[in-house]
Amino acid sequence: MLDSELLYLSHELTDTEIIIQVQSNQNHATCPYCGTNSTKIHSQYEREFHDLSIRGLQTKICLHNKKFFCINPACLNIANE
């Protein structure tokens, strides 16, 4: 079962691990400072983490994610500058 906010991209099996590629399907984010919704992408990045083993193989999740700019000119968010 996959989180509804993630999109399965692919997986790869090696001798020692299962590597699962997923991507966030979010097309907006809410600024934690002012609460404004934004669709303006700042950057994209990949984060890797390990999950419980599957059939004795290590499980690595590769998450492709996005950062968003706040579009509210009155926002006090430092990243908005």
Protein backbone atom coordinates (compact mmCIF):
# COMPACT_ATOMS: atom_id res chain seq x y z
CA MET A 1 0.00 0.00 0.00
CA LEU A 2 1.35 3.38 -1.01
CA ASP A 3 0.52 6.75 0.51
CA SER A 4 -2.06 8.56 -1.65
CA GLU A 5 0.34 11.52 -2.00
CA LEU A 6 3.02 9.36 -3.64
CA LEU A 7 3.29 8.03 -7.16
CA TYR A 8 5.12 4.74 -7.79
CA LEU A 9 7.79 5.17 -10.49
CA SER A 10 9.80 1.94 -10.54
CA HIS A 11 11.67 -0.63 -8.51
CA GLU A 12 14.93 -2.51 -8.86
CA LEU A 13 16.06 -5.77 -7.28
CA THR A 14 19.73 -6.39 -6.53
CA ASP A 15 21.39 -9.25 -4.67
CA THR A 16 21.10 -7.37 -1.37
CA GLU A 17 18.31 -4.83 -1.65
CA ILE A 18 15.06 -3.64 -3.17
CA ILE A 19 15.17 -0.04 -4.39
CA ILE A 20 11.78 1.61 -4.83
CA GLN A 21 11.48 4.95 -6.66
CA VAL A 22 8.49 7.13 -5.70
CA GLN A 23 7.55 10.72 -6.43
CA SER A 24 5.39 13.21 -4.58
CA ASN A 25 2.30 14.01 -6.60
CA GLN A 26 1.72 17.27 -4.74
CA ASN A 27 1.34 20.21 -7.09
CA HIS A 28 1.15 22.81 -4.32
CA ALA A 29 2.24 23.44 -0.75
CA THR A 30 1.02 25.62 2.09
CA CYS A 31 3.49 28.12 3.54
CA PRO A 32 4.06 27.28 7.22
CA TYR A 33 4.49 31.01 8.01
CA CYS A 34 1.46 32.63 6.39
CA GLY A 35 -0.75 29.75 5.21
CA THR A 36 -0.74 30.77 1.53
CA ASN A 37 -0.98 27.98 -1.05
CA SER A 38 1.65 28.07 -3.79
CA THR A 39 2.33 26.15 -6.99
CA LYS A 40 5.62 27.96 -7.71
CA ILE A 41 8.37 25.31 -7.57
CA HIS A 42 11.61 26.39 -5.90
CA SER A 43 13.61 23.18 -6.45
CA GLN A 44 13.43 19.42 -6.64
CA TYR A 45 15.45 16.97 -4.59
CA GLU A 46 15.77 13.28 -3.81
CA ARG A 47 15.74 11.81 -0.33
CA GLU A 48 16.63 8.19 0.44
CA PHE A 49 15.60 6.21 3.48
CA HIS A 50 15.48 2.58 4.53
CA ASP A 51 12.37 0.64 5.47
CA LEU A 52 11.81 -2.80 6.94
CA SER A 53 13.36 -5.71 5.06
CA ILE A 54 11.30 -7.56 2.46
CA ARG A 55 12.08 -11.26 2.01
CA GLY A 56 15.44 -10.75 3.71
CA LEU A 57 16.47 -7.92 1.40
CA GLN A 58 17.17 -4.39 2.59
CA THR A 59 14.54 -1.94 1.39
CA LYS A 60 15.58 1.51 0.17
CA ILE A 61 12.97 4.12 -0.75
CA CYS A 62 14.09 6.93 -3.09
CA LEU A 63 11.65 9.84 -2.77
CA HIS A 64 11.65 12.53 -5.48
CA ASN A 65 10.19 15.64 -3.86
CA LYS A 66 9.62 19.35 -4.56
CA LYS A 67 10.12 22.55 -2.57
CA PHE A 68 7.80 25.48 -3.23
CA PHE A 69 8.24 29.26 -2.98
CA CYS A 70 5.72 31.27 -0.98
CA ILE A 71 4.01 33.65 -3.40
CA ASN A 72 2.63 35.99 -0.74
CA PRO A 73 4.68 39.23 -0.93
CA ALA A 74 3.67 40.09 2.65
CA CYS A 75 5.00 36.80 4.03
CA LEU A 76 7.80 37.04 6.57
CA ASN A 77 9.38 33.78 5.34
CA ILE A 78 13.12 34.38 4.82
CA ALA A 79 13.13 32.06 1.76
CA ASN A 80 10.71 34.46 0.07
CA GLU A 81 13.49 37.05 -0.35
